[in-house]
Amino acid sequence: MTKETTIKPKRRNARGPGRSNAAEGQAALSEEASAAKRETKIGKVLALLKRDEGATLDEMVEATGWQKHTTRAALTGLRKKGHVIARDKRGEKTRYRIAKGV
């Protein structure tokens, strides 16, 4: 017994050659996607860290809804991705910020 193979005909472009609007459609989609990008929790943390005054751990916890240990782990993840995070004390609170010019 031999198995018969069937060859499917190639599909043709429904619009015909030279009538594709794929490039225009992709450009429109990318503009919409960038305009409607959803805000992520790590994005919120980065925004807080990029401020001149930086952010405290409590501010980051409040913005994300994460627990303190999760927020600290996120800071470690940002460091591993190449962000230089400076830490300093202002009064009793420790402030974290993205170091500029490094």
N, C-alpha and C. Protein backbone atom coordinates (compact mmCIF):
# COMPACT_ATOMS: atom_id res chain seq x y z
N MET A 1 0.83 -1.17 0.00
CA MET A 1 0.00 0.00 0.00
C MET A 1 0.88 1.24 0.00
N THR A 2 0.55 2.15 -0.86
CA THR A 2 1.27 3.42 -0.89
C THR A 2 0.31 4.54 -0.53
N LYS A 3 0.87 5.50 0.08
CA LYS A 3 0.06 6.64 0.50
C LYS A 3 0.12 7.72 -0.59
N GLU A 4 -1.02 8.15 -1.03
CA GLU A 4 -1.06 9.19 -2.05
C GLU A 4 -0.94 10.55 -1.40
N THR A 5 -0.16 11.40 -2.01
CA THR A 5 -0.06 12.77 -1.51
C THR A 5 -0.76 13.70 -2.48
N THR A 6 -1.40 14.64 -1.92
CA THR A 6 -2.09 15.61 -2.77
C THR A 6 -1.35 16.93 -2.69
N ILE A 7 -1.28 17.59 -3.78
CA ILE A 7 -0.62 18.89 -3.83
C ILE A 7 -1.71 19.95 -3.89
N LYS A 8 -1.66 20.83 -2.91
CA LYS A 8 -2.66 21.89 -2.86
C LYS A 8 -2.20 23.03 -3.76
N PRO A 9 -3.13 23.62 -4.46
CA PRO A 9 -2.75 24.77 -5.30
C PRO A 9 -2.39 25.97 -4.43
N LYS A 10 -1.46 26.78 -4.91
CA LYS A 10 -1.06 27.97 -4.17
C LYS A 10 -2.19 28.97 -4.16
N ARG A 11 -2.33 29.65 -3.03
CA ARG A 11 -3.38 30.66 -2.91
C ARG A 11 -2.90 31.95 -3.54
N ARG A 12 -3.78 32.61 -4.17
CA ARG A 12 -3.45 33.89 -4.79
C ARG A 12 -3.91 35.02 -3.89
N ASN A 13 -3.24 36.13 -4.01
CA ASN A 13 -3.60 37.31 -3.25
C ASN A 13 -4.99 37.77 -3.69
N ALA A 14 -5.89 37.94 -2.76
CA ALA A 14 -7.26 38.30 -3.09
C ALA A 14 -7.34 39.68 -3.75
N ARG A 15 -6.41 40.55 -3.42
CA ARG A 15 -6.43 41.89 -3.99
C ARG A 15 -5.75 41.94 -5.35
N GLY A 16 -5.00 40.93 -5.66
CA GLY A 16 -4.26 40.95 -6.92
C GLY A 16 -2.89 41.56 -6.71
N PRO A 17 -1.99 41.37 -7.64
CA PRO A 17 -0.64 41.90 -7.47
C PRO A 17 -0.63 43.42 -7.52
N GLY A 18 0.21 44.03 -6.67
CA GLY A 18 0.38 45.47 -6.68
C GLY A 18 -0.73 46.24 -5.99
N ARG A 19 -1.66 45.57 -5.38
CA ARG A 19 -2.78 46.28 -4.75
C ARG A 19 -2.79 46.12 -3.23
N SER A 20 -1.73 45.65 -2.67
CA SER A 20 -1.69 45.38 -1.24
C SER A 20 -1.49 46.67 -0.45
N ASN A 21 -2.26 46.81 0.59
CA ASN A 21 -2.12 47.95 1.50
C ASN A 21 -1.49 47.49 2.81
N ALA A 22 -0.73 46.42 2.76
CA ALA A 22 -0.16 45.84 3.99
C ALA A 22 0.77 46.82 4.68
N ALA A 23 1.62 47.50 3.93
CA ALA A 23 2.57 48.44 4.55
C ALA A 23 1.83 49.58 5.23
N GLU A 24 0.81 50.10 4.56
CA GLU A 24 0.04 51.19 5.17
C GLU A 24 -0.72 50.70 6.39
N GLY A 25 -1.25 49.50 6.31
CA GLY A 25 -1.98 48.93 7.44
C GLY A 25 -1.08 48.70 8.64
N GLN A 26 0.14 48.21 8.39
CA GLN A 26 1.08 47.98 9.48
C GLN A 26 1.49 49.29 10.14
N ALA A 27 1.71 50.34 9.36
CA ALA A 27 2.08 51.63 9.92
C ALA A 27 0.97 52.17 10.81
N ALA A 28 -0.26 52.03 10.35
CA ALA A 28 -1.39 52.51 11.15
C ALA A 28 -1.52 51.72 12.44
N LEU A 29 -1.31 50.41 12.36
CA LEU A 29 -1.40 49.58 13.56
C LEU A 29 -0.31 49.93 14.57
N SER A 30 0.91 50.17 14.10
CA SER A 30 2.00 50.47 15.03
C SER A 30 1.77 51.81 15.71
N GLU A 31 1.20 52.79 14.99
CA GLU A 31 0.89 54.07 15.60
C GLU A 31 -0.18 53.92 16.68
N GLU A 32 -1.20 53.13 16.38
CA GLU A 32 -2.27 52.89 17.35
C GLU A 32 -1.72 52.14 18.56
N ALA A 33 -0.86 51.17 18.31
CA ALA A 33 -0.33 50.37 19.41
C ALA A 33 0.53 51.22 20.33
N SER A 34 1.36 52.09 19.77
CA SER A 34 2.20 52.91 20.62
C SER A 34 1.38 53.94 21.37
N ALA A 35 0.32 54.44 20.75
CA ALA A 35 -0.53 55.42 21.42
C ALA A 35 -1.36 54.77 22.52
N ALA A 36 -1.74 53.53 22.32
CA ALA A 36 -2.60 52.85 23.28
C ALA A 36 -1.85 51.81 24.08
N LYS A 37 -0.53 51.99 24.26
CA LYS A 37 0.24 51.03 25.04
C LYS A 37 -0.28 51.02 26.46
N ARG A 38 -0.43 49.84 26.98
CA ARG A 38 -0.94 49.77 28.34
C ARG A 38 0.17 50.09 29.32
N GLU A 39 -0.21 50.66 30.42
CA GLU A 39 0.75 51.02 31.44
C GLU A 39 0.98 49.81 32.34
N THR A 40 2.24 49.45 32.51
CA THR A 40 2.58 48.30 33.34
C THR A 40 3.03 48.77 34.72
N LYS A 41 3.05 47.86 35.65
CA LYS A 41 3.48 48.19 37.00
C LYS A 41 4.97 48.54 37.02
N ILE A 42 5.77 47.79 36.27
CA ILE A 42 7.20 48.10 36.24
C ILE A 42 7.42 49.44 35.56
N GLY A 43 6.55 49.79 34.63
CA GLY A 43 6.62 51.10 34.00
C GLY A 43 6.33 52.22 35.00
N LYS A 44 5.39 51.96 35.90
CA LYS A 44 5.09 52.93 36.95
C LYS A 44 6.29 53.10 37.88
N VAL A 45 6.93 51.99 38.21
CA VAL A 45 8.11 52.05 39.08
C VAL A 45 9.21 52.86 38.39
N LEU A 46 9.45 52.59 37.12
CA LEU A 46 10.47 53.34 36.38
C LEU A 46 10.15 54.83 36.34
N ALA A 47 8.89 55.17 36.14
CA ALA A 47 8.50 56.58 36.11
C ALA A 47 8.78 57.24 37.46
N LEU A 48 8.51 56.54 38.54
CA LEU A 48 8.78 57.09 39.87
C LEU A 48 10.29 57.25 40.09
N LEU A 49 11.06 56.28 39.65
CA LEU A 49 12.50 56.32 39.84
C LEU A 49 13.18 57.40 38.99
N LYS A 50 12.57 57.76 37.88
CA LYS A 50 13.16 58.76 36.99
C LYS A 50 12.92 60.19 37.47
N ARG A 51 12.05 60.36 38.44
CA ARG A 51 11.83 61.71 38.98
C ARG A 51 13.11 62.18 39.65
N ASP A 52 13.30 63.50 39.71
CA ASP A 52 14.50 64.06 40.34
C ASP A 52 14.63 63.64 41.80
N GLU A 53 13.50 63.61 42.50
CA GLU A 53 13.54 63.24 43.92
C GLU A 53 13.49 61.73 44.14
N GLY A 54 13.31 60.95 43.08
CA GLY A 54 13.25 59.50 43.19
C GLY A 54 11.96 59.05 43.85
N ALA A 55 12.01 57.90 44.51
CA ALA A 55 10.82 57.36 45.15
C ALA A 55 11.22 56.52 46.36
N THR A 56 10.35 56.52 47.35
CA THR A 56 10.56 55.64 48.50
C THR A 56 9.94 54.28 48.20
N LEU A 57 10.30 53.32 48.99
CA LEU A 57 9.73 51.98 48.84
C LEU A 57 8.21 52.03 49.02
N ASP A 58 7.76 52.83 50.00
CA ASP A 58 6.32 52.95 50.24
C ASP A 58 5.58 53.54 49.05
N GLU A 59 6.18 54.52 48.36
CA GLU A 59 5.55 55.11 47.19
C GLU A 59 5.42 54.09 46.06
N MET A 60 6.46 53.28 45.89
CA MET A 60 6.42 52.25 44.84
C MET A 60 5.41 51.17 45.17
N VAL A 61 5.31 50.79 46.45
CA VAL A 61 4.33 49.80 46.89
C VAL A 61 2.93 50.32 46.65
N GLU A 62 2.69 51.58 46.96
CA GLU A 62 1.37 52.18 46.77
C GLU A 62 1.00 52.25 45.29
N ALA A 63 1.98 52.56 44.43
CA ALA A 63 1.71 52.71 43.00
C ALA A 63 1.42 51.37 42.33
N THR A 64 2.05 50.29 42.82
CA THR A 64 1.92 49.00 42.15
C THR A 64 0.97 48.03 42.84
N GLY A 65 0.81 48.17 44.15
CA GLY A 65 0.01 47.21 44.89
C GLY A 65 0.80 45.97 45.27
N TRP A 66 2.12 46.01 45.00
CA TRP A 66 2.98 44.88 45.37
C TRP A 66 3.34 44.95 46.84
N GLN A 67 3.82 43.82 47.36
CA GLN A 67 4.37 43.81 48.71
C GLN A 67 5.78 44.36 48.67
N LYS A 68 6.31 44.71 49.83
CA LYS A 68 7.64 45.33 49.88
C LYS A 68 8.73 44.43 49.30
N HIS A 69 8.69 43.14 49.63
CA HIS A 69 9.74 42.26 49.13
C HIS A 69 9.65 42.08 47.61
N THR A 70 8.45 42.14 47.07
CA THR A 70 8.27 42.05 45.62
C THR A 70 8.81 43.30 44.95
N THR A 71 8.59 44.45 45.55
CA THR A 71 9.09 45.70 45.00
C THR A 71 10.61 45.73 45.02
N ARG A 72 11.21 45.24 46.09
CA ARG A 72 12.68 45.17 46.14
C ARG A 72 13.21 44.22 45.08
N ALA A 73 12.52 43.12 44.86
CA ALA A 73 12.93 42.17 43.82
C ALA A 73 12.83 42.81 42.43
N ALA A 74 11.81 43.65 42.23
CA ALA A 74 11.67 44.36 40.95
C ALA A 74 12.84 45.31 40.75
N LEU A 75 13.29 45.97 41.81
CA LEU A 75 14.47 46.84 41.72
C LEU A 75 15.70 46.04 41.32
N THR A 76 15.84 44.85 41.88
CA THR A 76 16.96 43.98 41.52
C THR A 76 16.87 43.59 40.05
N GLY A 77 15.67 43.30 39.58
CA GLY A 77 15.48 42.97 38.17
C GLY A 77 15.85 44.12 37.26
N LEU A 78 15.52 45.34 37.67
CA LEU A 78 15.88 46.52 36.88
C LEU A 78 17.40 46.69 36.83
N ARG A 79 18.05 46.41 37.95
CA ARG A 79 19.53 46.48 37.97
C ARG A 79 20.12 45.46 37.01
N LYS A 80 19.56 44.27 36.99
CA LYS A 80 20.06 43.23 36.09
C LYS A 80 19.85 43.58 34.63
N LYS A 81 18.83 44.41 34.36
CA LYS A 81 18.57 44.84 32.99
C LYS A 81 19.44 46.02 32.59
N GLY A 82 20.28 46.51 33.50
CA GLY A 82 21.23 47.56 33.16
C GLY A 82 20.92 48.93 33.73
N HIS A 83 19.84 49.08 34.46
CA HIS A 83 19.53 50.37 35.07
C HIS A 83 20.42 50.56 36.29
N VAL A 84 20.97 51.76 36.43
CA VAL A 84 21.79 52.07 37.60
C VAL A 84 20.88 52.78 38.60
N ILE A 85 20.64 52.11 39.70
CA ILE A 85 19.71 52.64 40.70
C ILE A 85 20.51 53.12 41.90
N ALA A 86 20.39 54.42 42.17
CA ALA A 86 21.08 55.01 43.31
C ALA A 86 20.16 54.97 44.51
N ARG A 87 20.76 54.83 45.68
CA ARG A 87 19.99 54.77 46.92
C ARG A 87 20.61 55.76 47.90
N ASP A 88 19.79 56.61 48.49
CA ASP A 88 20.28 57.52 49.50
C ASP A 88 19.21 57.75 50.56
N LYS A 89 19.64 58.27 51.68
CA LYS A 89 18.73 58.53 52.80
C LYS A 89 18.37 60.00 52.82
N ARG A 90 17.11 60.27 53.00
CA ARG A 90 16.63 61.63 53.24
C ARG A 90 15.81 61.56 54.51
N GLY A 91 16.43 61.99 55.58
CA GLY A 91 15.77 61.84 56.88
C GLY A 91 15.77 60.37 57.27
N GLU A 92 14.61 59.86 57.60
CA GLU A 92 14.47 58.46 57.99
C GLU A 92 14.18 57.54 56.81
N LYS A 93 13.81 58.10 55.67
CA LYS A 93 13.38 57.31 54.52
C LYS A 93 14.52 57.10 53.53
N THR A 94 14.59 55.90 52.97
CA THR A 94 15.52 55.61 51.89
C THR A 94 14.83 55.91 50.57
N ARG A 95 15.51 56.66 49.73
CA ARG A 95 14.97 56.99 48.41
C ARG A 95 15.79 56.31 47.34
N TYR A 96 15.09 55.81 46.34
CA TYR A 96 15.72 55.15 45.19
C TYR A 96 15.47 56.03 43.97
N ARG A 97 16.44 56.07 43.06
CA ARG A 97 16.27 56.82 41.82
C ARG A 97 17.18 56.25 40.75
N ILE A 98 16.83 56.51 39.50
CA ILE A 98 17.70 56.13 38.40
C ILE A 98 18.84 57.13 38.36
N ALA A 99 20.07 56.64 38.42
CA ALA A 99 21.24 57.52 38.40
C ALA A 99 21.40 58.09 36.99
N LYS A 100 21.59 59.39 36.90
CA LYS A 100 21.74 60.06 35.62
C LYS A 100 23.22 60.28 35.33
N GLY A 101 23.56 60.22 34.04
CA GLY A 101 24.93 60.50 33.63
C GLY A 101 25.91 59.39 33.90
N VAL A 102 25.41 58.19 34.13
CA VAL A 102 26.30 57.05 34.39
C VAL A 102 26.30 56.15 33.21
